[in-house]
């Protein structure tokens, strides 16, 4: 709301009759108007990206849509992590058993 107000103020200043009379004032107000519009656009982009609220999850979703390979890599990592945990629990189970030939073969495997 603040940046929208700043844009409104700069627009009102541009419509001021003094701008027509003083070229230096017009130049300064035009620069101010441009800066306020850029700031408003930047703030709007932040809101659209989700940085204004729950930033981390929304940014992650935004990056996932911009970089689809990121989403694939995250899924692949999660799957690999699940596989690792499953195999680690098997190893722990075999380490607890008596060390016989078949158990050592499975543990080695």
PDB file of N, CA and C in Angstrom:
ATOM      1  N   UNK A   1       0.829  -1.192   0.000  1.00  0.00           N
ATOM      2  CA  UNK A   1       0.000   0.000   0.000  1.00  0.00           C
ATOM      3  C   UNK A   1       0.876   1.260   0.000  1.00  0.00           C
ATOM      4  N   UNK A   2       2.040   1.149   0.697  1.00  0.00           N
ATOM      5  CA  UNK A   2       2.922   2.312   0.749  1.00  0.00           C
ATOM      6  C   UNK A   2       3.483   2.654  -0.630  1.00  0.00           C
ATOM      7  N   UNK A   3       3.897   1.635  -1.369  1.00  0.00           N
ATOM      8  CA  UNK A   3       4.460   1.922  -2.693  1.00  0.00           C
ATOM      9  C   UNK A   3       3.378   2.417  -3.645  1.00  0.00           C
ATOM     10  N   UNK A   4       2.155   1.918  -3.493  1.00  0.00           N
ATOM     11  CA  UNK A   4       1.053   2.425  -4.323  1.00  0.00           C
ATOM     12  C   UNK A   4       0.803   3.902  -4.015  1.00  0.00           C
ATOM     13  N   UNK A   5       0.887   4.267  -2.739  1.00  0.00           N
ATOM     14  CA  UNK A   5       0.710   5.667  -2.348  1.00  0.00           C
ATOM     15  C   UNK A   5       1.824   6.536  -2.922  1.00  0.00           C
ATOM     16  N   UNK A   6       3.053   6.024  -2.909  1.00  0.00           N
ATOM     17  CA  UNK A   6       4.182   6.774  -3.461  1.00  0.00           C
ATOM     18  C   UNK A   6       4.002   6.984  -4.961  1.00  0.00           C
ATOM     19  N   UNK A   7       3.493   5.973  -5.659  1.00  0.00           N
ATOM     20  CA  UNK A   7       3.245   6.109  -7.101  1.00  0.00           C
ATOM     21  C   UNK A   7       2.167   7.163  -7.339  1.00  0.00           C
ATOM     22  N   UNK A   8       1.138   7.161  -6.506  1.00  0.00           N
ATOM     23  CA  UNK A   8       0.062   8.158  -6.638  1.00  0.00           C
ATOM     24  C   UNK A   8       0.602   9.567  -6.412  1.00  0.00           C
ATOM     25  N   UNK A   9       1.447   9.723  -5.398  1.00  0.00           N
ATOM     26  CA  UNK A   9       2.040  11.038  -5.119  1.00  0.00           C
ATOM     27  C   UNK A   9       2.891  11.500  -6.291  1.00  0.00           C
ATOM     28  N   UNK A  10       3.697  10.611  -6.836  1.00  0.00           N
ATOM     29  CA  UNK A  10       4.559  11.001  -7.957  1.00  0.00           C
ATOM     30  C   UNK A  10       3.732  11.338  -9.191  1.00  0.00           C
ATOM     31  N   UNK A  11       2.634  10.633  -9.405  1.00  0.00           N
ATOM     32  CA  UNK A  11       1.755  10.949 -10.542  1.00  0.00           C
ATOM     33  C   UNK A  11       1.093  12.304 -10.355  1.00  0.00           C
ATOM     34  N   UNK A  12       0.673  12.571  -9.113  1.00  0.00           N
ATOM     35  CA  UNK A  12       0.067  13.878  -8.818  1.00  0.00           C
ATOM     36  C   UNK A  12       1.075  15.009  -9.037  1.00  0.00           C
ATOM     37  N   UNK A  13       2.327  14.759  -8.641  1.00  0.00           N
ATOM     38  CA  UNK A  13       3.356  15.782  -8.843  1.00  0.00           C
ATOM     39  C   UNK A  13       3.595  16.038 -10.329  1.00  0.00           C
ATOM     40  N   UNK A  14       3.534  14.979 -11.138  1.00  0.00           N
ATOM     41  CA  UNK A  14       3.736  15.148 -12.582  1.00  0.00           C
ATOM     42  C   UNK A  14       2.633  15.991 -13.207  1.00  0.00           C
ATOM     43  N   UNK A  15       1.435  15.915 -12.656  1.00  0.00           N
ATOM     44  CA  UNK A  15       0.327  16.700 -13.219  1.00  0.00           C
ATOM     45  C   UNK A  15       0.294  18.129 -12.676  1.00  0.00           C
ATOM     46  N   UNK A  16       1.228  18.448 -11.808  1.00  0.00           N
ATOM     47  CA  UNK A  16       1.301  19.793 -11.236  1.00  0.00           C
ATOM     48  C   UNK A  16       1.708  20.793 -12.326  1.00  0.00           C
ATOM     49  N   UNK A  17       1.031  21.945 -12.399  1.00  0.00           N
ATOM     50  CA  UNK A  17       1.372  22.954 -13.421  1.00  0.00           C
ATOM     51  C   UNK A  17       2.804  23.483 -13.323  1.00  0.00           C
ATOM     52  N   UNK A  18       3.410  23.364 -12.157  1.00  0.00           N
ATOM     53  CA  UNK A  18       4.786  23.832 -11.987  1.00  0.00           C
ATOM     54  C   UNK A  18       5.743  23.026 -12.877  1.00  0.00           C
ATOM     55  N   UNK A  19       5.379  21.761 -13.162  1.00  0.00           N
ATOM     56  CA  UNK A  19       6.231  20.921 -14.027  1.00  0.00           C
ATOM     57  C   UNK A  19       6.322  21.498 -15.437  1.00  0.00           C
ATOM     58  N   UNK A  20       5.232  22.127 -15.878  1.00  0.00           N
ATOM     59  CA  UNK A  20       5.235  22.717 -17.218  1.00  0.00           C
ATOM     60  C   UNK A  20       6.087  23.979 -17.267  1.00  0.00           C
ATOM     61  N   UNK A  21       6.187  24.662 -16.134  1.00  0.00           N
ATOM     62  CA  UNK A  21       6.907  25.927 -16.085  1.00  0.00           C
ATOM     63  C   UNK A  21       8.410  25.739 -15.831  1.00  0.00           C
ATOM     64  N   UNK A  22       8.761  24.739 -15.042  1.00  0.00           N
ATOM     65  CA  UNK A  22      10.159  24.527 -14.660  1.00  0.00           C
ATOM     66  C   UNK A  22      10.673  23.197 -15.201  1.00  0.00           C
ATOM     67  N   UNK A  23      11.491  23.213 -16.236  1.00  0.00           N
ATOM     68  CA  UNK A  23      12.016  21.960 -16.795  1.00  0.00           C
ATOM     69  C   UNK A  23      12.856  21.158 -15.792  1.00  0.00           C
ATOM     70  N   UNK A  24      13.583  21.834 -14.928  1.00  0.00           N
ATOM     71  CA  UNK A  24      14.409  21.115 -13.951  1.00  0.00           C
ATOM     72  C   UNK A  24      13.523  20.389 -12.928  1.00  0.00           C
ATOM     73  N   UNK A  25      12.408  21.023 -12.549  1.00  0.00           N
ATOM     74  CA  UNK A  25      11.473  20.382 -11.628  1.00  0.00           C
ATOM     75  C   UNK A  25      10.812  19.182 -12.307  1.00  0.00           C
ATOM     76  N   UNK A  26      10.456  19.339 -13.582  1.00  0.00           N
ATOM     77  CA  UNK A  26       9.854  18.248 -14.351  1.00  0.00           C
ATOM     78  C   UNK A  26      10.816  17.058 -14.418  1.00  0.00           C
ATOM     79  N   UNK A  27      12.078  17.344 -14.656  1.00  0.00           N
ATOM     80  CA  UNK A  27      13.088  16.287 -14.746  1.00  0.00           C
ATOM     81  C   UNK A  27      13.201  15.533 -13.408  1.00  0.00           C
ATOM     82  N   UNK A  28      13.215  16.299 -12.313  1.00  0.00           N
ATOM     83  CA  UNK A  28      13.335  15.696 -10.992  1.00  0.00           C
ATOM     84  C   UNK A  28      12.095  14.863 -10.656  1.00  0.00           C
ATOM     85  N   UNK A  29      10.919  15.381 -10.950  1.00  0.00           N
ATOM     86  CA  UNK A  29       9.671  14.667 -10.654  1.00  0.00           C
ATOM     87  C   UNK A  29       9.551  13.423 -11.544  1.00  0.00           C
ATOM     88  N   UNK A  30       9.996  13.527 -12.779  1.00  0.00           N
ATOM     89  CA  UNK A  30       9.960  12.372 -13.676  1.00  0.00           C
ATOM     90  C   UNK A  30      10.875  11.266 -13.151  1.00  0.00           C
ATOM     91  N   UNK A  31      12.054  11.632 -12.678  1.00  0.00           N
ATOM     92  CA  UNK A  31      12.967  10.638 -12.100  1.00  0.00           C
ATOM     93  C   UNK A  31      12.352  10.005 -10.851  1.00  0.00           C
ATOM     94  N   UNK A  32      11.711  10.827 -10.030  1.00  0.00           N
ATOM     95  CA  UNK A  32      11.043  10.325  -8.828  1.00  0.00           C
ATOM     96  C   UNK A  32       9.911   9.378  -9.204  1.00  0.00           C
ATOM     97  N   UNK A  33       9.127   9.757 -10.206  1.00  0.00           N
ATOM     98  CA  UNK A  33       8.011   8.918 -10.662  1.00  0.00           C
ATOM     99  C   UNK A  33       8.512   7.576 -11.175  1.00  0.00           C
ATOM    100  N   UNK A  34       9.585   7.598 -11.952  1.00  0.00           N
ATOM    101  CA  UNK A  34      10.169   6.362 -12.472  1.00  0.00           C
ATOM    102  C   UNK A  34      10.645   5.466 -11.335  1.00  0.00           C
ATOM    103  N   UNK A  35      11.308   6.068 -10.356  1.00  0.00           N
ATOM    104  CA  UNK A  35      11.804   5.294  -9.214  1.00  0.00           C
ATOM    105  C   UNK A  35      10.657   4.686  -8.419  1.00  0.00           C
ATOM    106  N   UNK A  36       9.591   5.433  -8.213  1.00  0.00           N
ATOM    107  CA  UNK A  36       8.446   4.930  -7.443  1.00  0.00           C
ATOM    108  C   UNK A  36       7.740   3.793  -8.186  1.00  0.00           C
ATOM    109  N   UNK A  37       7.646   3.923  -9.509  1.00  0.00           N
ATOM    110  CA  UNK A  37       7.019   2.853 -10.300  1.00  0.00           C
ATOM    111  C   UNK A  37       7.876   1.590 -10.270  1.00  0.00           C
ATOM    112  N   UNK A  38       9.200   1.737 -10.329  1.00  0.00           N
ATOM    113  CA  UNK A  38      10.092   0.574 -10.242  1.00  0.00           C
ATOM    114  C   UNK A  38       9.987  -0.094  -8.878  1.00  0.00           C
ATOM    115  N   UNK A  39       9.931   0.734  -7.827  1.00  0.00           N
ATOM    116  CA  UNK A  39       9.813   0.195  -6.477  1.00  0.00           C
ATOM    117  C   UNK A  39       8.493  -0.567  -6.329  1.00  0.00           C
ATOM    118  N   UNK A  40       7.422   0.000  -6.868  1.00  0.00           N
ATOM    119  CA  UNK A  40       6.122  -0.664  -6.791  1.00  0.00           C
ATOM    120  C   UNK A  40       6.143  -1.989  -7.554  1.00  0.00           C
ATOM    121  N   UNK A  41       6.763  -1.993  -8.721  1.00  0.00           N
ATOM    122  CA  UNK A  41       6.851  -3.231  -9.505  1.00  0.00           C
ATOM    123  C   UNK A  41       7.681  -4.283  -8.758  1.00  0.00           C
ATOM    124  N   UNK A  42       8.766  -3.853  -8.143  1.00  0.00           N
ATOM    125  CA  UNK A  42       9.600  -4.769  -7.367  1.00  0.00           C
ATOM    126  C   UNK A  42       8.824  -5.346  -6.187  1.00  0.00           C
ATOM    127  N   UNK A  43       8.099  -4.496  -5.472  1.00  0.00           N
ATOM    128  CA  UNK A  43       7.294  -4.962  -4.343  1.00  0.00           C
ATOM    129  C   UNK A  43       6.203  -5.919  -4.801  1.00  0.00           C
ATOM    130  N   UNK A  44       5.597  -5.619  -5.931  1.00  0.00           N
ATOM    131  CA  UNK A  44       4.556  -6.511  -6.459  1.00  0.00           C
ATOM    132  C   UNK A  44       5.149  -7.860  -6.841  1.00  0.00           C
ATOM    133  N   UNK A  45       6.344  -7.844  -7.399  1.00  0.00           N
ATOM    134  CA  UNK A  45       7.015  -9.094  -7.763  1.00  0.00           C
ATOM    135  C   UNK A  45       7.311  -9.926  -6.509  1.00  0.00           C
ATOM    136  N   UNK A  46       7.732  -9.255  -5.438  1.00  0.00           N
ATOM    137  CA  UNK A  46       7.986  -9.967  -4.177  1.00  0.00           C
ATOM    138  C   UNK A  46       6.707 -10.605  -3.652  1.00  0.00           C
ATOM    139  N   UNK A  47       5.616  -9.879  -3.735  1.00  0.00           N
ATOM    140  CA  UNK A  47       4.336 -10.422  -3.271  1.00  0.00           C
ATOM    141  C   UNK A  47       3.943 -11.617  -4.135  1.00  0.00           C
ATOM    142  N   UNK A  48       4.109 -11.499  -5.436  1.00  0.00           N
ATOM    143  CA  UNK A  48       3.764 -12.600  -6.341  1.00  0.00           C
ATOM    144  C   UNK A  48       4.631 -13.827  -6.095  1.00  0.00           C
ATOM    145  N   UNK A  49       5.898 -13.612  -5.739  1.00  0.00           N
ATOM    146  CA  UNK A  49       6.801 -14.731  -5.467  1.00  0.00           C
ATOM    147  C   UNK A  49       6.510 -15.359  -4.115  1.00  0.00           C
ATOM    148  N   UNK A  50       5.824 -14.626  -3.267  1.00  0.00           N
ATOM    149  CA  UNK A  50       5.508 -15.172  -1.961  1.00  0.00           C
ATOM    150  C   UNK A  50       6.489 -14.789  -0.889  1.00  0.00           C
ATOM    151  N   UNK A  51       7.341 -13.830  -1.145  1.00  0.00           N
ATOM    152  CA  UNK A  51       8.323 -13.441  -0.145  1.00  0.00           C
ATOM    153  C   UNK A  51       7.716 -12.612   0.972  1.00  0.00           C
ATOM    154  N   UNK A  52       6.511 -12.131   0.766  1.00  0.00           N
ATOM    155  CA  UNK A  52       5.904 -11.296   1.792  1.00  0.00           C
ATOM    156  C   UNK A  52       5.313 -12.142   2.917  1.00  0.00           C
ATOM    157  N   UNK A  53       4.961 -13.388   2.646  1.00  0.00           N
ATOM    158  CA  UNK A  53       4.347 -14.241   3.666  1.00  0.00           C
ATOM    159  C   UNK A  53       5.271 -15.357   4.065  1.00  0.00           C
ATOM    160  N   UNK A  54       4.789 -16.570   3.915  1.00  0.00           N
ATOM    161  CA  UNK A  54       5.573 -17.756   4.250  1.00  0.00           C
ATOM    162  C   UNK A  54       6.596 -17.950   3.137  1.00  0.00           C
ATOM    163  N   UNK A  55       7.663 -17.195   3.213  1.00  0.00           N
ATOM    164  CA  UNK A  55       8.611 -17.091   2.115  1.00  0.00           C
ATOM    165  C   UNK A  55       9.269 -18.368   1.684  1.00  0.00           C
ATOM    166  N   UNK A  56       9.740 -19.170   2.617  1.00  0.00           N
ATOM    167  CA  UNK A  56      10.567 -20.315   2.254  1.00  0.00           C
ATOM    168  C   UNK A  56       9.820 -21.310   1.379  1.00  0.00           C
ATOM    169  N   UNK A  57       8.617 -21.705   1.777  1.00  0.00           N
ATOM    170  CA  UNK A  57       7.895 -22.713   1.002  1.00  0.00           C
ATOM    171  C   UNK A  57       7.435 -22.163  -0.338  1.00  0.00           C
ATOM    172  N   UNK A  58       7.021 -20.897  -0.359  1.00  0.00           N
ATOM    173  CA  UNK A  58       6.561 -20.313  -1.618  1.00  0.00           C
ATOM    174  C   UNK A  58       7.710 -20.105  -2.589  1.00  0.00           C
ATOM    175  N   UNK A  59       8.852 -19.708  -2.071  1.00  0.00           N
ATOM    176  CA  UNK A  59      10.020 -19.519  -2.934  1.00  0.00           C
ATOM    177  C   UNK A  59      10.450 -20.854  -3.516  1.00  0.00           C
ATOM    178  N   UNK A  60      10.424 -21.878  -2.694  1.00  0.00           N
ATOM    179  CA  UNK A  60      10.782 -23.212  -3.183  1.00  0.00           C
ATOM    180  C   UNK A  60       9.843 -23.621  -4.317  1.00  0.00           C
ATOM    181  N   UNK A  61       8.560 -23.376  -4.134  1.00  0.00           N
ATOM    182  CA  UNK A  61       7.597 -23.700  -5.190  1.00  0.00           C
ATOM    183  C   UNK A  61       7.862 -22.867  -6.436  1.00  0.00           C
ATOM    184  N   UNK A  62       8.210 -21.590  -6.233  1.00  0.00           N
ATOM    185  CA  UNK A  62       8.497 -20.731  -7.370  1.00  0.00           C
ATOM    186  C   UNK A  62       9.716 -21.241  -8.126  1.00  0.00           C
ATOM    187  N   UNK A  63      10.786 -21.588  -7.386  1.00  0.00           N
ATOM    188  CA  UNK A  63      11.978 -22.115  -8.039  1.00  0.00           C
ATOM    189  C   UNK A  63      11.679 -23.423  -8.746  1.00  0.00           C
ATOM    190  N   UNK A  64      10.821 -24.238  -8.175  1.00  0.00           N
ATOM    191  CA  UNK A  64      10.460 -25.500  -8.807  1.00  0.00           C
ATOM    192  C   UNK A  64       9.774 -25.265 -10.140  1.00  0.00           C
ATOM    193  N   UNK A  65       8.966 -24.218 -10.200  1.00  0.00           N
ATOM    194  CA  UNK A  65       8.292 -23.946 -11.469  1.00  0.00           C
ATOM    195  C   UNK A  65       9.252 -23.336 -12.484  1.00  0.00           C
ATOM    196  N   UNK A  66      10.221 -22.570 -12.020  1.00  0.00           N
ATOM    197  CA  UNK A  66      11.179 -21.948 -12.934  1.00  0.00           C
ATOM    198  C   UNK A  66      12.231 -22.961 -13.383  1.00  0.00           C
ATOM    199  N   UNK A  67      12.675 -23.809 -12.443  1.00  0.00           N
ATOM    200  CA  UNK A  67      13.686 -24.812 -12.740  1.00  0.00           C
ATOM    201  C   UNK A  67      13.091 -26.202 -12.509  1.00  0.00           C
ATOM    202  N   UNK A  68      12.420 -26.783 -13.523  1.00  0.00           N
ATOM    203  CA  UNK A  68      11.770 -28.084 -13.330  1.00  0.00           C
ATOM    204  C   UNK A  68      12.748 -29.187 -12.932  1.00  0.00           C
ATOM    205  N   UNK A  69      13.991 -29.087 -13.335  1.00  0.00           N
ATOM    206  CA  UNK A  69      14.967 -30.123 -12.982  1.00  0.00           C
ATOM    207  C   UNK A  69      15.229 -30.133 -11.481  1.00  0.00           C
ATOM    208  N   UNK A  70      15.016 -29.001 -10.820  1.00  0.00           N
ATOM    209  CA  UNK A  70      15.177 -28.936  -9.365  1.00  0.00           C
ATOM    210  C   UNK A  70      14.185 -29.872  -8.685  1.00  0.00           C
ATOM    211  N   UNK A  71      12.949 -29.844  -9.134  1.00  0.00           N
ATOM    212  CA  UNK A  71      11.913 -30.700  -8.559  1.00  0.00           C
ATOM    213  C   UNK A  71      12.258 -32.170  -8.774  1.00  0.00           C
ATOM    214  N   UNK A  72      12.740 -32.519  -9.949  1.00  0.00           N
ATOM    215  CA  UNK A  72      13.131 -33.895 -10.246  1.00  0.00           C
ATOM    216  C   UNK A  72      14.292 -34.316  -9.345  1.00  0.00           C
ATOM    217  N   UNK A  73      15.260 -33.439  -9.165  1.00  0.00           N
ATOM    218  CA  UNK A  73      16.416 -33.750  -8.321  1.00  0.00           C
ATOM    219  C   UNK A  73      16.001 -33.937  -6.866  1.00  0.00           C
ATOM    220  N   UNK A  74      15.081 -33.117  -6.388  1.00  0.00           N
ATOM    221  CA  UNK A  74      14.613 -33.250  -5.011  1.00  0.00           C
ATOM    222  C   UNK A  74      13.894 -34.583  -4.822  1.00  0.00           C
ATOM    223  N   UNK A  75      13.052 -34.960  -5.781  1.00  0.00           N
ATOM    224  CA  UNK A  75      12.345 -36.247  -5.699  1.00  0.00           C
ATOM    225  C   UNK A  75      13.327 -37.407  -5.738  1.00  0.00           C
ATOM    226  N   UNK A  76      14.327 -37.309  -6.617  1.00  0.00           N
ATOM    227  CA  UNK A  76      15.328 -38.367  -6.725  1.00  0.00           C
ATOM    228  C   UNK A  76      16.122 -38.486  -5.428  1.00  0.00           C
ATOM    229  N   UNK A  77      16.452 -37.368  -4.808  1.00  0.00           N
ATOM    230  CA  UNK A  77      17.173 -37.387  -3.536  1.00  0.00           C
ATOM    231  C   UNK A  77      16.325 -38.025  -2.449  1.00  0.00           C
ATOM    232  N   UNK A  78      15.042 -37.672  -2.388  1.00  0.00           N
ATOM    233  CA  UNK A  78      14.154 -38.261  -1.385  1.00  0.00           C
ATOM    234  C   UNK A  78      14.057 -39.776  -1.565  1.00  0.00           C
ATOM    235  N   UNK A  79      13.946 -40.223  -2.802  1.00  0.00           N
ATOM    236  CA  UNK A  79      13.855 -41.658  -3.076  1.00  0.00           C
ATOM    237  C   UNK A  79      15.147 -42.357  -2.665  1.00  0.00           C
ATOM    238  N   UNK A  80      16.288 -41.768  -2.985  1.00  0.00           N
ATOM    239  CA  UNK A  80      17.570 -42.346  -2.616  1.00  0.00           C
ATOM    240  C   UNK A  80      17.734 -42.394  -1.103  1.00  0.00           C
ATOM    241  N   UNK A  81      17.284 -41.361  -0.429  1.00  0.00           N
ATOM    242  CA  UNK A  81      17.352 -41.319   1.031  1.00  0.00           C
ATOM    243  C   UNK A  81      16.489 -42.420   1.646  1.00  0.00           C
ATOM    244  N   UNK A  82      15.301 -42.627   1.105  1.00  0.00           N
ATOM    245  CA  UNK A  82      14.440 -43.709   1.591  1.00  0.00           C
ATOM    246  C   UNK A  82      15.093 -45.071   1.358  1.00  0.00           C
ATOM    247  N   UNK A  83      15.682 -45.263   0.177  1.00  0.00           N
ATOM    248  CA  UNK A  83      16.382 -46.521  -0.119  1.00  0.00           C
ATOM    249  C   UNK A  83      17.535 -46.735   0.860  1.00  0.00           C
ATOM    250  N   UNK A  84      18.293 -45.676   1.117  1.00  0.00           N
ATOM    251  CA  UNK A  84      19.424 -45.774   2.031  1.00  0.00           C
ATOM    252  C   UNK A  84      18.957 -46.176   3.429  1.00  0.00           C
ATOM    253  N   UNK A  85      17.897 -45.531   3.914  1.00  0.00           N
ATOM    254  CA  UNK A  85      17.394 -45.844   5.251  1.00  0.00           C
ATOM    255  C   UNK A  85      16.898 -47.288   5.329  1.00  0.00           C
ATOM    256  N   UNK A  86      16.230 -47.744   4.278  1.00  0.00           N
ATOM    257  CA  UNK A  86      15.743 -49.126   4.235  1.00  0.00           C
ATOM    258  C   UNK A  86      16.912 -50.106   4.289  1.00  0.00           C
ATOM    259  N   UNK A  87      17.928 -49.863   3.482  1.00  0.00           N
ATOM    260  CA  UNK A  87      19.093 -50.743   3.458  1.00  0.00           C
ATOM    261  C   UNK A  87      19.891 -50.653   4.756  1.00  0.00           C
ATOM    262  N   UNK A  88      19.968 -49.473   5.347  1.00  0.00           N
ATOM    263  CA  UNK A  88      20.679 -49.315   6.615  1.00  0.00           C
ATOM    264  C   UNK A  88      19.992 -50.120   7.712  1.00  0.00           C
ATOM    265  N   UNK A  89      18.667 -50.137   7.721  1.00  0.00           N
ATOM    266  CA  UNK A  89      17.963 -50.936   8.734  1.00  0.00           C
ATOM    267  C   UNK A  89      18.203 -52.431   8.511  1.00  0.00           C
ATOM    268  N   UNK A  90      18.317 -52.861   7.246  1.00  0.00           N
ATOM    269  CA  UNK A  90      18.642 -54.267   6.961  1.00  0.00           C
ATOM    270  C   UNK A  90      20.034 -54.613   7.489  1.00  0.00           C
ATOM    271  N   UNK A  91      20.988 -53.726   7.246  1.00  0.00           N
ATOM    272  CA  UNK A  91      22.357 -53.958   7.717  1.00  0.00           C
ATOM    273  C   UNK A  91      22.362 -54.070   9.238  1.00  0.00           C
ATOM    274  N   UNK A  92      21.674 -53.186   9.907  1.00  0.00           N
ATOM    275  CA  UNK A  92      21.624 -53.232  11.370  1.00  0.00           C
ATOM    276  C   UNK A  92      20.993 -54.531  11.854  1.00  0.00           C
ATOM    277  N   UNK A  93      19.977 -54.982  11.141  1.00  0.00           N
ATOM    278  CA  UNK A  93      19.313 -56.238  11.510  1.00  0.00           C
ATOM    279  C   UNK A  93      20.285 -57.411  11.378  1.00  0.00           C
ATOM    280  N   UNK A  94      21.043 -57.466  10.284  1.00  0.00           N
ATOM    281  CA  UNK A  94      22.005 -58.563  10.081  1.00  0.00           C
ATOM    282  C   UNK A  94      23.181 -58.473  11.047  1.00  0.00           C
ATOM    283  N   UNK A  95      23.570 -57.257  11.441  1.00  0.00           N
ATOM    284  CA  UNK A  95      24.666 -57.104  12.406  1.00  0.00           C
ATOM    285  C   UNK A  95      24.274 -57.615  13.783  1.00  0.00           C
ATOM    286  N   UNK A  96      22.983 -57.560  14.113  1.00  0.00           N
ATOM    287  CA  UNK A  96      22.510 -58.040  15.401  1.00  0.00           C
ATOM    288  C   UNK A  96      22.425 -59.562  15.451  1.00  0.00           C
ATOM    289  N   UNK A  97      22.301 -60.207  14.294  1.00  0.00           N
ATOM    290  CA  UNK A  97      22.167 -61.671  14.255  1.00  0.00           C
ATOM    291  C   UNK A  97      23.513 -62.332  14.495  1.00  0.00           C
ATOM    292  N   UNK A  98      23.430 -63.648  14.756  1.00  0.00           N
ATOM    293  CA  UNK A  98      24.640 -64.450  14.940  1.00  0.00           C
ATOM    294  C   UNK A  98      25.418 -64.488  13.633  1.00  0.00           C
ATOM    295  N   UNK A  99      26.740 -64.424  13.749  1.00  0.00           N
ATOM    296  CA  UNK A  99      27.569 -64.344  12.551  1.00  0.00           C
ATOM    297  C   UNK A  99      27.809 -65.739  11.971  1.00  0.00           C
ATOM    298  N   UNK A 100      26.872 -66.163  11.131  1.00  0.00           N
ATOM    299  CA  UNK A 100      27.013 -67.436  10.422  1.00  0.00           C
ATOM    300  C   UNK A 100      27.315 -67.139   8.965  1.00  0.00           C
ATOM    301  N   UNK A 101      27.586 -68.166   8.212  1.00  0.00           N
ATOM    302  CA  UNK A 101      27.926 -68.005   6.795  1.00  0.00           C
ATOM    303  C   UNK A 101      26.884 -67.243   6.002  1.00  0.00           C
ATOM    304  N   UNK A 102      25.590 -67.693   6.043  1.00  0.00           N
ATOM    305  CA  UNK A 102      24.567 -66.983   5.257  1.00  0.00           C
ATOM    306  C   UNK A 102      24.353 -65.526   5.721  1.00  0.00           C
ATOM    307  N   UNK A 103      24.450 -65.299   7.023  1.00  0.00           N
ATOM    308  CA  UNK A 103      24.251 -63.951   7.540  1.00  0.00           C
ATOM    309  C   UNK A 103      25.392 -63.046   7.099  1.00  0.00           C
ATOM    310  N   UNK A 104      26.633 -63.562   7.150  1.00  0.00           N
ATOM    311  CA  UNK A 104      27.776 -62.763   6.696  1.00  0.00           C
ATOM    312  C   UNK A 104      27.698 -62.462   5.203  1.00  0.00           C
ATOM    313  N   UNK A 105      27.199 -63.443   4.418  1.00  0.00           N
ATOM    314  CA  UNK A 105      27.034 -63.227   2.980  1.00  0.00           C
ATOM    315  C   UNK A 105      26.004 -62.125   2.722  1.00  0.00           C
ATOM    316  N   UNK A 106      24.886 -62.177   3.449  1.00  0.00           N
ATOM    317  CA  UNK A 106      23.850 -61.143   3.277  1.00  0.00           C
ATOM    318  C   UNK A 106      24.374 -59.788   3.747  1.00  0.00           C
ATOM    319  N   UNK A 107      25.121 -59.775   4.833  1.00  0.00           N
ATOM    320  CA  UNK A 107      25.669 -58.527   5.357  1.00  0.00           C
ATOM    321  C   UNK A 107      26.647 -57.917   4.353  1.00  0.00           C
ATOM    322  N   UNK A 108      27.485 -58.755   3.772  1.00  0.00           N
ATOM    323  CA  UNK A 108      28.436 -58.283   2.763  1.00  0.00           C
ATOM    324  C   UNK A 108      27.706 -57.723   1.544  1.00  0.00           C
ATOM    325  N   UNK A 109      26.624 -58.408   1.193  1.00  0.00           N
ATOM    326  CA  UNK A 109      25.830 -58.004   0.025  1.00  0.00           C
ATOM    327  C   UNK A 109      25.221 -56.640   0.268  1.00  0.00           C
TER     328      UNK A 109
END
